[in-house]
Amino acid sequence: MASQRAEDARRRIELDEMDRRREGAAAQKLIDAFVEEARAKGLPTEPLRAQLLDGHRAKTGRQGWYLNAKESLAIGENGEYYQLVVPGGLKERLRGVTLEPSLPPLHVGKGGRDGETGYLKEFLEWRLNAG
């Protein structure tokens, strides 16, 4: 009985991961189209800064386009999806942080309560229209 439950749990995890990868691939297509259109429009990139959990900002060494007013999400100049809220303290404020791209979601901020939730496509369109 316990081994069956463990097997069922393992299978659910595998299925969830497959869904995340499938969603990420679909979201990446939207991002690739965004990058192409942003470049065609001459939309300039800017240095991306991460927001530390204590509220301070830190340099990242990356360029891209912010996707929201809080500047907590961005698309890198080569199509990477970044979540810009990161742990850190004084050392990171002084030296900067290393960003790792995340698997992009089709629905941004799902389950969040900060008011910055919605479909990735809408965030990308907002950024293109904002100039």
C-alpha atoms as a PDB file:
ATOM      1  CA  MET A   1       0.000   0.000   0.000  1.00  0.00           C
ATOM      2  CA  ALA A   2       2.714   2.461   0.984  1.00  0.00           C
ATOM      3  CA  SER A   3       4.770   1.616  -2.096  1.00  0.00           C
ATOM      4  CA  GLN A   4       1.726   2.263  -4.302  1.00  0.00           C
ATOM      5  CA  ARG A   5       1.248   5.679  -2.691  1.00  0.00           C
ATOM      6  CA  ALA A   6       4.913   6.471  -3.187  1.00  0.00           C
ATOM      7  CA  GLU A   7       4.699   5.405  -6.820  1.00  0.00           C
ATOM      8  CA  ASP A   8       1.557   7.531  -7.338  1.00  0.00           C
ATOM      9  CA  ALA A   9       3.260  10.538  -5.755  1.00  0.00           C
ATOM     10  CA  ARG A  10       6.342  10.072  -7.927  1.00  0.00           C
ATOM     11  CA  ARG A  11       4.161   9.865 -11.036  1.00  0.00           C
ATOM     12  CA  ARG A  12       2.277  13.053 -10.092  1.00  0.00           C
ATOM     13  CA  ILE A  13       5.591  14.862  -9.697  1.00  0.00           C
ATOM     14  CA  GLU A  14       6.718  13.629 -13.123  1.00  0.00           C
ATOM     15  CA  LEU A  15       3.455  14.758 -14.730  1.00  0.00           C
ATOM     16  CA  ASP A  16       3.664  18.177 -13.055  1.00  0.00           C
ATOM     17  CA  GLU A  17       7.223  18.606 -14.320  1.00  0.00           C
ATOM     18  CA  MET A  18       6.177  17.622 -17.847  1.00  0.00           C
ATOM     19  CA  ASP A  19       3.389  20.219 -17.697  1.00  0.00           C
ATOM     20  CA  ARG A  20       5.822  22.895 -16.499  1.00  0.00           C
ATOM     21  CA  ARG A  21       8.249  22.137 -19.330  1.00  0.00           C
ATOM     22  CA  ARG A  22       5.428  22.181 -21.896  1.00  0.00           C
ATOM     23  CA  GLU A  23       4.140  25.489 -20.537  1.00  0.00           C
ATOM     24  CA  GLY A  24       7.684  26.871 -20.491  1.00  0.00           C
ATOM     25  CA  ALA A  25       8.187  25.957 -24.155  1.00  0.00           C
ATOM     26  CA  ALA A  26       4.942  27.710 -25.125  1.00  0.00           C
ATOM     27  CA  ALA A  27       5.886  30.774 -23.064  1.00  0.00           C
ATOM     28  CA  GLN A  28       9.358  30.839 -24.620  1.00  0.00           C
ATOM     29  CA  LYS A  29       7.772  31.104 -28.079  1.00  0.00           C
ATOM     30  CA  LEU A  30       5.917  34.225 -26.909  1.00  0.00           C
ATOM     31  CA  ILE A  31       9.145  35.633 -25.490  1.00  0.00           C
ATOM     32  CA  ASP A  32      11.089  34.939 -28.683  1.00  0.00           C
ATOM     33  CA  ALA A  33       8.422  36.780 -30.701  1.00  0.00           C
ATOM     34  CA  PHE A  34       8.573  39.658 -28.192  1.00  0.00           C
ATOM     35  CA  VAL A  35      12.365  39.977 -28.506  1.00  0.00           C
ATOM     36  CA  GLU A  36      12.110  39.985 -32.292  1.00  0.00           C
ATOM     37  CA  GLU A  37       9.411  42.665 -32.273  1.00  0.00           C
ATOM     38  CA  ALA A  38      11.162  44.764 -29.610  1.00  0.00           C
ATOM     39  CA  ARG A  39      14.333  44.802 -31.711  1.00  0.00           C
ATOM     40  CA  ALA A  40      12.366  45.597 -34.880  1.00  0.00           C
ATOM     41  CA  LYS A  41      10.743  48.558 -33.095  1.00  0.00           C
ATOM     42  CA  GLY A  42      14.119  49.709 -31.779  1.00  0.00           C
ATOM     43  CA  LEU A  43      12.987  49.286 -28.179  1.00  0.00           C
ATOM     44  CA  PRO A  44      16.188  49.791 -26.185  1.00  0.00           C
ATOM     45  CA  THR A  45      17.316  47.423 -23.487  1.00  0.00           C
ATOM     46  CA  GLU A  46      18.464  48.736 -20.140  1.00  0.00           C
ATOM     47  CA  PRO A  47      20.630  47.428 -17.322  1.00  0.00           C
ATOM     48  CA  LEU A  48      18.590  45.048 -15.180  1.00  0.00           C
ATOM     49  CA  ARG A  49      18.727  45.525 -11.436  1.00  0.00           C
ATOM     50  CA  ALA A  50      17.558  42.920  -8.964  1.00  0.00           C
ATOM     51  CA  GLN A  51      15.472  43.743  -5.928  1.00  0.00           C
ATOM     52  CA  LEU A  52      16.833  42.226  -2.742  1.00  0.00           C
ATOM     53  CA  LEU A  53      14.417  40.895  -0.150  1.00  0.00           C
ATOM     54  CA  ASP A  54      15.293  43.833   2.111  1.00  0.00           C
ATOM     55  CA  GLY A  55      14.053  46.228  -0.595  1.00  0.00           C
ATOM     56  CA  HIS A  56      17.433  47.458  -1.829  1.00  0.00           C
ATOM     57  CA  ARG A  57      18.533  47.115  -5.456  1.00  0.00           C
ATOM     58  CA  ALA A  58      21.609  45.373  -6.836  1.00  0.00           C
ATOM     59  CA  LYS A  59      23.259  45.370 -10.243  1.00  0.00           C
ATOM     60  CA  THR A  60      23.134  42.167 -12.263  1.00  0.00           C
ATOM     61  CA  GLY A  61      25.370  42.670 -15.279  1.00  0.00           C
ATOM     62  CA  ARG A  62      22.396  41.804 -17.523  1.00  0.00           C
ATOM     63  CA  GLN A  63      20.524  43.908 -20.080  1.00  0.00           C
ATOM     64  CA  GLY A  64      16.891  43.547 -21.014  1.00  0.00           C
ATOM     65  CA  TRP A  65      13.360  44.843 -20.757  1.00  0.00           C
ATOM     66  CA  TYR A  66      11.348  45.103 -17.525  1.00  0.00           C
ATOM     67  CA  LEU A  67       7.888  43.565 -17.804  1.00  0.00           C
ATOM     68  CA  ASN A  68       6.084  45.259 -14.950  1.00  0.00           C
ATOM     69  CA  ALA A  69       5.928  48.520 -13.033  1.00  0.00           C
ATOM     70  CA  LYS A  70       7.623  47.010  -9.973  1.00  0.00           C
ATOM     71  CA  GLU A  71      10.551  45.926 -12.162  1.00  0.00           C
ATOM     72  CA  SER A  72      10.436  42.487 -10.575  1.00  0.00           C
ATOM     73  CA  LEU A  73      10.224  40.605 -13.887  1.00  0.00           C
ATOM     74  CA  ALA A  74      12.285  41.020 -17.031  1.00  0.00           C
ATOM     75  CA  ILE A  75      13.186  39.547 -20.365  1.00  0.00           C
ATOM     76  CA  GLY A  76      16.907  39.412 -21.071  1.00  0.00           C
ATOM     77  CA  GLU A  77      18.236  40.710 -24.367  1.00  0.00           C
ATOM     78  CA  ASN A  78      18.624  37.124 -25.611  1.00  0.00           C
ATOM     79  CA  GLY A  79      15.152  35.983 -24.537  1.00  0.00           C
ATOM     80  CA  GLU A  80      15.816  34.806 -20.983  1.00  0.00           C
ATOM     81  CA  TYR A  81      13.014  35.153 -18.421  1.00  0.00           C
ATOM     82  CA  TYR A  82      14.188  36.625 -15.118  1.00  0.00           C
ATOM     83  CA  GLN A  83      12.504  36.944 -11.754  1.00  0.00           C
ATOM     84  CA  LEU A  84      14.327  39.884 -10.216  1.00  0.00           C
ATOM     85  CA  VAL A  85      13.437  39.516  -6.526  1.00  0.00           C
ATOM     86  CA  VAL A  86      16.390  37.707  -4.973  1.00  0.00           C
ATOM     87  CA  PRO A  87      17.862  37.031  -1.526  1.00  0.00           C
ATOM     88  CA  GLY A  88      20.864  39.040  -0.458  1.00  0.00           C
ATOM     89  CA  GLY A  89      22.249  41.709   1.783  1.00  0.00           C
ATOM     90  CA  LEU A  90      25.045  44.245   1.934  1.00  0.00           C
ATOM     91  CA  LYS A  91      27.524  42.075   0.034  1.00  0.00           C
ATOM     92  CA  GLU A  92      25.112  41.686  -2.887  1.00  0.00           C
ATOM     93  CA  ARG A  93      24.296  45.402  -2.848  1.00  0.00           C
ATOM     94  CA  LEU A  94      27.989  46.184  -3.223  1.00  0.00           C
ATOM     95  CA  ARG A  95      29.101  43.390  -5.558  1.00  0.00           C
ATOM     96  CA  GLY A  96      25.907  42.712  -7.473  1.00  0.00           C
ATOM     97  CA  VAL A  97      24.087  39.445  -8.013  1.00  0.00           C
ATOM     98  CA  THR A  98      24.233  36.675 -10.581  1.00  0.00           C
ATOM     99  CA  LEU A  99      20.877  36.098 -12.213  1.00  0.00           C
ATOM    100  CA  GLU A 100      19.801  32.689 -13.420  1.00  0.00           C
ATOM    101  CA  PRO A 101      17.011  32.519 -16.001  1.00  0.00           C
ATOM    102  CA  SER A 102      13.777  30.870 -14.913  1.00  0.00           C
ATOM    103  CA  LEU A 103      11.435  28.651 -16.858  1.00  0.00           C
ATOM    104  CA  PRO A 104       8.844  31.160 -18.093  1.00  0.00           C
ATOM    105  CA  PRO A 105       5.196  30.664 -17.125  1.00  0.00           C
ATOM    106  CA  LEU A 106       2.200  31.424 -19.320  1.00  0.00           C
ATOM    107  CA  HIS A 107       0.455  32.915 -16.263  1.00  0.00           C
ATOM    108  CA  VAL A 108       2.664  35.320 -14.316  1.00  0.00           C
ATOM    109  CA  GLY A 109       2.300  35.545 -10.538  1.00  0.00           C
ATOM    110  CA  LYS A 110      -0.227  32.738 -10.327  1.00  0.00           C
ATOM    111  CA  GLY A 111      -1.482  32.629  -6.749  1.00  0.00           C
ATOM    112  CA  GLY A 112       0.235  35.904  -5.875  1.00  0.00           C
ATOM    113  CA  ARG A 113      -1.469  38.696  -4.005  1.00  0.00           C
ATOM    114  CA  ASP A 114       0.596  41.693  -5.060  1.00  0.00           C
ATOM    115  CA  GLY A 115      -1.676  42.702  -7.930  1.00  0.00           C
ATOM    116  CA  GLU A 116       0.924  41.866 -10.562  1.00  0.00           C
ATOM    117  CA  THR A 117      -0.637  38.733 -11.951  1.00  0.00           C
ATOM    118  CA  GLY A 118      -1.815  38.003 -15.448  1.00  0.00           C
ATOM    119  CA  TYR A 119      -0.959  36.279 -18.653  1.00  0.00           C
ATOM    120  CA  LEU A 120       2.598  36.558 -19.924  1.00  0.00           C
ATOM    121  CA  LYS A 121       1.263  37.649 -23.311  1.00  0.00           C
ATOM    122  CA  GLU A 122      -0.373  40.698 -21.663  1.00  0.00           C
ATOM    123  CA  PHE A 123       2.853  41.668 -19.876  1.00  0.00           C
ATOM    124  CA  LEU A 124       4.785  41.406 -23.150  1.00  0.00           C
ATOM    125  CA  GLU A 125       2.183  43.473 -25.031  1.00  0.00           C
ATOM    126  CA  TRP A 126       2.212  46.114 -22.285  1.00  0.00           C
ATOM    127  CA  ARG A 127       5.988  46.414 -22.593  1.00  0.00           C
ATOM    128  CA  LEU A 128       5.887  46.710 -26.374  1.00  0.00           C
ATOM    129  CA  ASN A 129       3.180  49.381 -26.191  1.00  0.00           C
ATOM    130  CA  ALA A 130       4.919  51.300 -23.393  1.00  0.00           C
ATOM    131  CA  GLY A 131       7.902  51.915 -25.666  1.00  0.00           C
END
